[in-house]
Amino acid sequence: NYRPRAILVFISCQHFFMAYDKALVFKQLRERFQDIDFTDCYMIPTLRKSGVTPDQLMRMQLYSLLKLAETDEKQINIMGSNHALERSCEMYGILEEQELKLTSIHDCRSYEDYLALAKGRLNIIYEPIAIPAGEKIQKELGIPYLYLPNVFRYEEIEANYKKLEETLGNKLLLTWIPREHAERAVAEARALL
């Protein structure tokens, strides 16, 4: 008989309008089902006038079941996005050159895989909406985060890589996608137009 290891309980506006007692509900769930981890997630845009937005809160709660774990110095996490990075993303190649492994929640195939995210040495965040999640994980689990926004100009891309180098304490080889290769691809595309 299958039993889930974790359940994300989604709360909506109606629950708050009915004077929902979150503490009591979760206390009873945890007492009754001690082998299952529970966390609260929200769909309450009508009650969010200021502060943390529903999207930010969802990203925070998505990682709320992580527990302190021994750090794996080879593991770097990409966190806070609803979209998985394509394996063709240069971040994979750059980190592999450093003998580091890039993981995300999208790679998790089991609850143990999810819990292993807590072993990360660093959390990279590229969507600003996920910064509060990075801050919360850093405070609660001690995993630092690095915000590397999506950028498209060479100078901004190189500045992101410089920040990553400084954070990792390693000189990145950056041979994976040299600037000349990108310029050649742009020239070829222009020639087709």
C-alpha atoms as a PDB file:
ATOM      1  CA  ASN A   1       0.000   0.000   0.000  1.00  0.00           C
ATOM      2  CA  TYR A   2       1.584   3.280  -1.145  1.00  0.00           C
ATOM      3  CA  ARG A   3       2.090   6.097   1.366  1.00  0.00           C
ATOM      4  CA  PRO A   4       3.597   9.400   0.270  1.00  0.00           C
ATOM      5  CA  ARG A   5       6.704  10.629   2.088  1.00  0.00           C
ATOM      6  CA  ALA A   6       5.585  14.258   1.865  1.00  0.00           C
ATOM      7  CA  ILE A   7       2.439  16.231   1.111  1.00  0.00           C
ATOM      8  CA  LEU A   8       2.175  19.839   0.026  1.00  0.00           C
ATOM      9  CA  VAL A   9      -1.157  21.116   1.347  1.00  0.00           C
ATOM     10  CA  PHE A  10      -2.468  23.970  -0.771  1.00  0.00           C
ATOM     11  CA  ILE A  11      -4.424  26.602   1.121  1.00  0.00           C
ATOM     12  CA  SER A  12      -6.727  28.941  -0.772  1.00  0.00           C
ATOM     13  CA  CYS A  13      -8.566  32.157  -0.017  1.00  0.00           C
ATOM     14  CA  GLN A  14     -11.675  30.283   1.096  1.00  0.00           C
ATOM     15  CA  HIS A  15      -9.812  28.684   3.988  1.00  0.00           C
ATOM     16  CA  PHE A  16      -8.848  32.090   5.339  1.00  0.00           C
ATOM     17  CA  PHE A  17     -12.356  33.469   4.849  1.00  0.00           C
ATOM     18  CA  MET A  18     -13.608  30.544   6.973  1.00  0.00           C
ATOM     19  CA  ALA A  19     -11.107  31.388   9.765  1.00  0.00           C
ATOM     20  CA  TYR A  20      -8.883  28.385   9.036  1.00  0.00           C
ATOM     21  CA  ASP A  21      -6.603  27.510  11.967  1.00  0.00           C
ATOM     22  CA  LYS A  22      -3.322  26.595  10.272  1.00  0.00           C
ATOM     23  CA  ALA A  23      -1.485  25.649  13.476  1.00  0.00           C
ATOM     24  CA  LEU A  24      -4.243  23.256  14.568  1.00  0.00           C
ATOM     25  CA  VAL A  25      -4.639  21.626  11.142  1.00  0.00           C
ATOM     26  CA  PHE A  26      -0.925  20.965  10.711  1.00  0.00           C
ATOM     27  CA  LYS A  27      -0.513  19.831  14.318  1.00  0.00           C
ATOM     28  CA  GLN A  28      -3.234  17.233  13.797  1.00  0.00           C
ATOM     29  CA  LEU A  29      -1.861  16.104  10.436  1.00  0.00           C
ATOM     30  CA  ARG A  30       1.628  15.653  11.871  1.00  0.00           C
ATOM     31  CA  GLU A  31       0.362  13.783  14.937  1.00  0.00           C
ATOM     32  CA  ARG A  32      -1.892  11.477  12.931  1.00  0.00           C
ATOM     33  CA  PHE A  33       0.567  10.775  10.092  1.00  0.00           C
ATOM     34  CA  GLN A  34       3.979  10.881  11.743  1.00  0.00           C
ATOM     35  CA  ASP A  35       5.748   9.177   8.835  1.00  0.00           C
ATOM     36  CA  ILE A  36       4.692  11.906   6.364  1.00  0.00           C
ATOM     37  CA  ASP A  37       6.205  15.378   6.084  1.00  0.00           C
ATOM     38  CA  PHE A  38       3.665  18.166   5.548  1.00  0.00           C
ATOM     39  CA  THR A  39       4.143  21.728   4.429  1.00  0.00           C
ATOM     40  CA  ASP A  40       1.745  24.499   3.585  1.00  0.00           C
ATOM     41  CA  CYS A  41       1.566  26.062   0.154  1.00  0.00           C
ATOM     42  CA  TYR A  42      -0.682  28.912  -0.846  1.00  0.00           C
ATOM     43  CA  MET A  43      -3.004  30.066  -3.580  1.00  0.00           C
ATOM     44  CA  ILE A  44      -4.195  33.284  -1.934  1.00  0.00           C
ATOM     45  CA  PRO A  45      -3.557  36.235  -4.257  1.00  0.00           C
ATOM     46  CA  THR A  46      -6.630  38.026  -2.901  1.00  0.00           C
ATOM     47  CA  LEU A  47      -5.006  38.297   0.530  1.00  0.00           C
ATOM     48  CA  ARG A  48      -1.566  39.409  -0.668  1.00  0.00           C
ATOM     49  CA  LYS A  49      -1.561  43.196  -0.745  1.00  0.00           C
ATOM     50  CA  SER A  50       2.053  43.696   0.313  1.00  0.00           C
ATOM     51  CA  GLY A  51       5.121  41.811   1.404  1.00  0.00           C
ATOM     52  CA  VAL A  52       5.952  38.401  -0.007  1.00  0.00           C
ATOM     53  CA  THR A  53       3.940  37.588  -3.138  1.00  0.00           C
ATOM     54  CA  PRO A  54       2.155  34.246  -3.653  1.00  0.00           C
ATOM     55  CA  ASP A  55       4.786  33.219  -6.230  1.00  0.00           C
ATOM     56  CA  GLN A  56       7.635  34.055  -3.852  1.00  0.00           C
ATOM     57  CA  LEU A  57       5.923  32.212  -1.006  1.00  0.00           C
ATOM     58  CA  MET A  58       5.364  29.146  -3.192  1.00  0.00           C
ATOM     59  CA  ARG A  59       9.066  29.015  -4.042  1.00  0.00           C
ATOM     60  CA  MET A  60       9.945  29.331  -0.363  1.00  0.00           C
ATOM     61  CA  GLN A  61       7.548  26.573   0.685  1.00  0.00           C
ATOM     62  CA  LEU A  62       8.664  24.244  -2.101  1.00  0.00           C
ATOM     63  CA  TYR A  63      11.992  23.862  -0.284  1.00  0.00           C
ATOM     64  CA  SER A  64      10.606  24.034   3.269  1.00  0.00           C
ATOM     65  CA  LEU A  65      10.885  20.280   3.866  1.00  0.00           C
ATOM     66  CA  LEU A  66      14.662  20.260   3.400  1.00  0.00           C
ATOM     67  CA  LYS A  67      16.588  19.395   6.543  1.00  0.00           C
ATOM     68  CA  LEU A  68      20.157  20.102   7.627  1.00  0.00           C
ATOM     69  CA  ALA A  69      22.560  17.756   5.878  1.00  0.00           C
ATOM     70  CA  GLU A  70      26.285  17.301   5.465  1.00  0.00           C
ATOM     71  CA  THR A  71      27.567  19.480   2.639  1.00  0.00           C
ATOM     72  CA  ASP A  72      28.687  17.884  -0.604  1.00  0.00           C
ATOM     73  CA  GLU A  73      31.418  20.237  -1.860  1.00  0.00           C
ATOM     74  CA  LYS A  74      30.842  19.006  -5.429  1.00  0.00           C
ATOM     75  CA  GLN A  75      27.112  19.819  -5.499  1.00  0.00           C
ATOM     76  CA  ILE A  76      25.739  23.136  -6.739  1.00  0.00           C
ATOM     77  CA  ASN A  77      21.965  23.621  -6.871  1.00  0.00           C
ATOM     78  CA  ILE A  78      19.972  25.766  -9.247  1.00  0.00           C
ATOM     79  CA  MET A  79      16.841  26.773  -7.317  1.00  0.00           C
ATOM     80  CA  GLY A  80      13.609  28.661  -7.456  1.00  0.00           C
ATOM     81  CA  SER A  81      12.492  28.236 -11.050  1.00  0.00           C
ATOM     82  CA  ASN A  82       9.382  26.509 -12.320  1.00  0.00           C
ATOM     83  CA  HIS A  83      11.307  25.585 -15.447  1.00  0.00           C
ATOM     84  CA  ALA A  84      14.081  23.024 -15.709  1.00  0.00           C
ATOM     85  CA  LEU A  85      17.330  24.161 -17.284  1.00  0.00           C
ATOM     86  CA  GLU A  86      18.047  22.497 -20.583  1.00  0.00           C
ATOM     87  CA  ARG A  87      21.080  20.209 -20.487  1.00  0.00           C
ATOM     88  CA  SER A  88      22.488  22.385 -23.273  1.00  0.00           C
ATOM     89  CA  CYS A  89      22.729  25.348 -20.853  1.00  0.00           C
ATOM     90  CA  GLU A  90      26.372  26.402 -20.588  1.00  0.00           C
ATOM     91  CA  MET A  91      26.164  26.369 -16.773  1.00  0.00           C
ATOM     92  CA  TYR A  92      26.329  22.559 -16.855  1.00  0.00           C
ATOM     93  CA  GLY A  93      29.504  22.578 -18.956  1.00  0.00           C
ATOM     94  CA  ILE A  94      31.158  25.328 -16.936  1.00  0.00           C
ATOM     95  CA  LEU A  95      30.562  23.570 -13.626  1.00  0.00           C
ATOM     96  CA  GLU A  96      31.519  20.155 -15.007  1.00  0.00           C
ATOM     97  CA  GLU A  97      34.893  21.653 -16.003  1.00  0.00           C
ATOM     98  CA  GLN A  98      35.294  22.421 -12.294  1.00  0.00           C
ATOM     99  CA  GLU A  99      34.276  18.838 -11.444  1.00  0.00           C
ATOM    100  CA  LEU A 100      31.082  20.164  -9.884  1.00  0.00           C
ATOM    101  CA  LYS A 101      27.575  18.772 -10.332  1.00  0.00           C
ATOM    102  CA  LEU A 102      24.610  21.054 -11.026  1.00  0.00           C
ATOM    103  CA  THR A 103      21.314  19.769  -9.600  1.00  0.00           C
ATOM    104  CA  SER A 104      17.784  21.104  -9.287  1.00  0.00           C
ATOM    105  CA  ILE A 105      14.409  20.026  -8.007  1.00  0.00           C
ATOM    106  CA  HIS A 106      13.609  19.020 -11.596  1.00  0.00           C
ATOM    107  CA  ASP A 107      16.273  16.290 -11.363  1.00  0.00           C
ATOM    108  CA  CYS A 108      14.647  14.690  -8.316  1.00  0.00           C
ATOM    109  CA  ARG A 109      13.049  11.314  -8.948  1.00  0.00           C
ATOM    110  CA  SER A 110      12.425  10.444  -5.294  1.00  0.00           C
ATOM    111  CA  TYR A 111      11.932  12.114  -1.940  1.00  0.00           C
ATOM    112  CA  GLU A 112      15.522  11.159  -1.046  1.00  0.00           C
ATOM    113  CA  ASP A 113      16.719  13.030  -4.156  1.00  0.00           C
ATOM    114  CA  TYR A 114      14.735  16.056  -2.998  1.00  0.00           C
ATOM    115  CA  LEU A 115      16.178  15.879   0.525  1.00  0.00           C
ATOM    116  CA  ALA A 116      19.686  15.619  -0.987  1.00  0.00           C
ATOM    117  CA  LEU A 117      19.273  19.186  -2.275  1.00  0.00           C
ATOM    118  CA  ALA A 118      20.128  20.193   1.311  1.00  0.00           C
ATOM    119  CA  LYS A 119      23.676  18.886   0.703  1.00  0.00           C
ATOM    120  CA  GLY A 120      24.411  21.620  -1.825  1.00  0.00           C
ATOM    121  CA  ARG A 121      27.425  23.830  -1.335  1.00  0.00           C
ATOM    122  CA  LEU A 122      25.745  26.744  -3.118  1.00  0.00           C
ATOM    123  CA  ASN A 123      22.295  27.608  -4.445  1.00  0.00           C
ATOM    124  CA  ILE A 124      22.260  29.560  -7.699  1.00  0.00           C
ATOM    125  CA  ILE A 125      19.119  31.580  -8.319  1.00  0.00           C
ATOM    126  CA  TYR A 126      18.432  33.253 -11.654  1.00  0.00           C
ATOM    127  CA  GLU A 127      14.859  34.486 -11.182  1.00  0.00           C
ATOM    128  CA  PRO A 128      14.388  37.481  -8.863  1.00  0.00           C
ATOM    129  CA  ILE A 129      11.131  36.016  -7.596  1.00  0.00           C
ATOM    130  CA  ALA A 130      13.160  33.217  -5.933  1.00  0.00           C
ATOM    131  CA  ILE A 131      15.476  35.472  -3.899  1.00  0.00           C
ATOM    132  CA  PRO A 132      13.340  35.159  -0.718  1.00  0.00           C
ATOM    133  CA  ALA A 133      13.616  31.356  -1.031  1.00  0.00           C
ATOM    134  CA  GLY A 134      17.405  31.679  -1.298  1.00  0.00           C
ATOM    135  CA  GLU A 135      17.466  33.919   1.769  1.00  0.00           C
ATOM    136  CA  LYS A 136      15.284  31.503   3.765  1.00  0.00           C
ATOM    137  CA  ILE A 137      17.405  28.462   2.868  1.00  0.00           C
ATOM    138  CA  GLN A 138      20.586  30.368   3.685  1.00  0.00           C
ATOM    139  CA  LYS A 139      19.191  31.353   7.090  1.00  0.00           C
ATOM    140  CA  GLU A 140      17.728  27.951   7.981  1.00  0.00           C
ATOM    141  CA  LEU A 141      20.213  25.523   6.404  1.00  0.00           C
ATOM    142  CA  GLY A 142      23.322  27.654   6.029  1.00  0.00           C
ATOM    143  CA  ILE A 143      23.552  27.138   2.258  1.00  0.00           C
ATOM    144  CA  PRO A 144      24.630  30.406   0.655  1.00  0.00           C
ATOM    145  CA  TYR A 145      22.873  31.572  -2.465  1.00  0.00           C
ATOM    146  CA  LEU A 146      24.119  33.512  -5.447  1.00  0.00           C
ATOM    147  CA  TYR A 147      21.762  35.535  -7.616  1.00  0.00           C
ATOM    148  CA  LEU A 148      22.854  35.312 -11.251  1.00  0.00           C
ATOM    149  CA  PRO A 149      20.093  36.965 -13.287  1.00  0.00           C
ATOM    150  CA  ASN A 150      19.301  35.975 -16.849  1.00  0.00           C
ATOM    151  CA  VAL A 151      21.314  38.368 -19.002  1.00  0.00           C
ATOM    152  CA  PHE A 152      22.114  38.549 -22.689  1.00  0.00           C
ATOM    153  CA  ARG A 153      24.953  41.053 -23.232  1.00  0.00           C
ATOM    154  CA  TYR A 154      28.526  39.773 -23.200  1.00  0.00           C
ATOM    155  CA  GLU A 155      29.586  42.162 -20.450  1.00  0.00           C
ATOM    156  CA  GLU A 156      26.706  41.121 -18.191  1.00  0.00           C
ATOM    157  CA  ILE A 157      27.306  37.423 -18.855  1.00  0.00           C
ATOM    158  CA  GLU A 158      30.997  37.848 -18.046  1.00  0.00           C
ATOM    159  CA  ALA A 159      30.086  39.773 -14.862  1.00  0.00           C
ATOM    160  CA  ASN A 160      27.873  36.845 -13.790  1.00  0.00           C
ATOM    161  CA  TYR A 161      30.719  34.400 -14.403  1.00  0.00           C
ATOM    162  CA  LYS A 162      33.061  36.645 -12.414  1.00  0.00           C
ATOM    163  CA  LYS A 163      30.612  36.581  -9.471  1.00  0.00           C
ATOM    164  CA  LEU A 164      30.452  32.797  -9.752  1.00  0.00           C
ATOM    165  CA  GLU A 165      34.261  32.572  -9.794  1.00  0.00           C
ATOM    166  CA  GLU A 166      34.514  34.730  -6.678  1.00  0.00           C
ATOM    167  CA  THR A 167      31.855  32.717  -4.872  1.00  0.00           C
ATOM    168  CA  LEU A 168      33.361  29.340  -5.747  1.00  0.00           C
ATOM    169  CA  GLY A 169      36.919  30.519  -5.154  1.00  0.00           C
ATOM    170  CA  ASN A 170      37.933  28.888  -8.448  1.00  0.00           C
ATOM    171  CA  LYS A 171      39.060  30.367 -11.732  1.00  0.00           C
ATOM    172  CA  LEU A 172      36.509  29.235 -14.286  1.00  0.00           C
ATOM    173  CA  LEU A 173      37.969  27.933 -17.507  1.00  0.00           C
ATOM    174  CA  LEU A 174      35.025  29.211 -19.578  1.00  0.00           C
ATOM    175  CA  THR A 175      36.071  27.144 -22.567  1.00  0.00           C
ATOM    176  CA  TRP A 176      32.625  25.690 -22.902  1.00  0.00           C
ATOM    177  CA  ILE A 177      31.137  28.491 -25.019  1.00  0.00           C
ATOM    178  CA  PRO A 178      33.738  31.064 -26.007  1.00  0.00           C
ATOM    179  CA  ARG A 179      32.658  34.538 -27.020  1.00  0.00           C
ATOM    180  CA  GLU A 180      34.105  34.039 -30.522  1.00  0.00           C
ATOM    181  CA  HIS A 181      31.849  31.035 -31.068  1.00  0.00           C
ATOM    182  CA  ALA A 182      28.796  33.108 -30.126  1.00  0.00           C
ATOM    183  CA  GLU A 183      29.864  35.980 -32.402  1.00  0.00           C
ATOM    184  CA  ARG A 184      30.368  33.568 -35.300  1.00  0.00           C
ATOM    185  CA  ALA A 185      26.893  32.070 -34.746  1.00  0.00           C
ATOM    186  CA  VAL A 186      25.342  35.568 -34.734  1.00  0.00           C
ATOM    187  CA  ALA A 187      27.171  36.470 -37.967  1.00  0.00           C
ATOM    188  CA  GLU A 188      25.942  33.257 -39.614  1.00  0.00           C
ATOM    189  CA  ALA A 189      22.373  33.999 -38.522  1.00  0.00           C
ATOM    190  CA  ARG A 190      22.590  37.541 -39.902  1.00  0.00           C
ATOM    191  CA  ALA A 191      23.875  36.204 -43.207  1.00  0.00           C
ATOM    192  CA  LEU A 192      20.763  34.034 -43.487  1.00  0.00           C
ATOM    193  CA  LEU A 193      18.475  37.015 -43.027  1.00  0.00           C
END
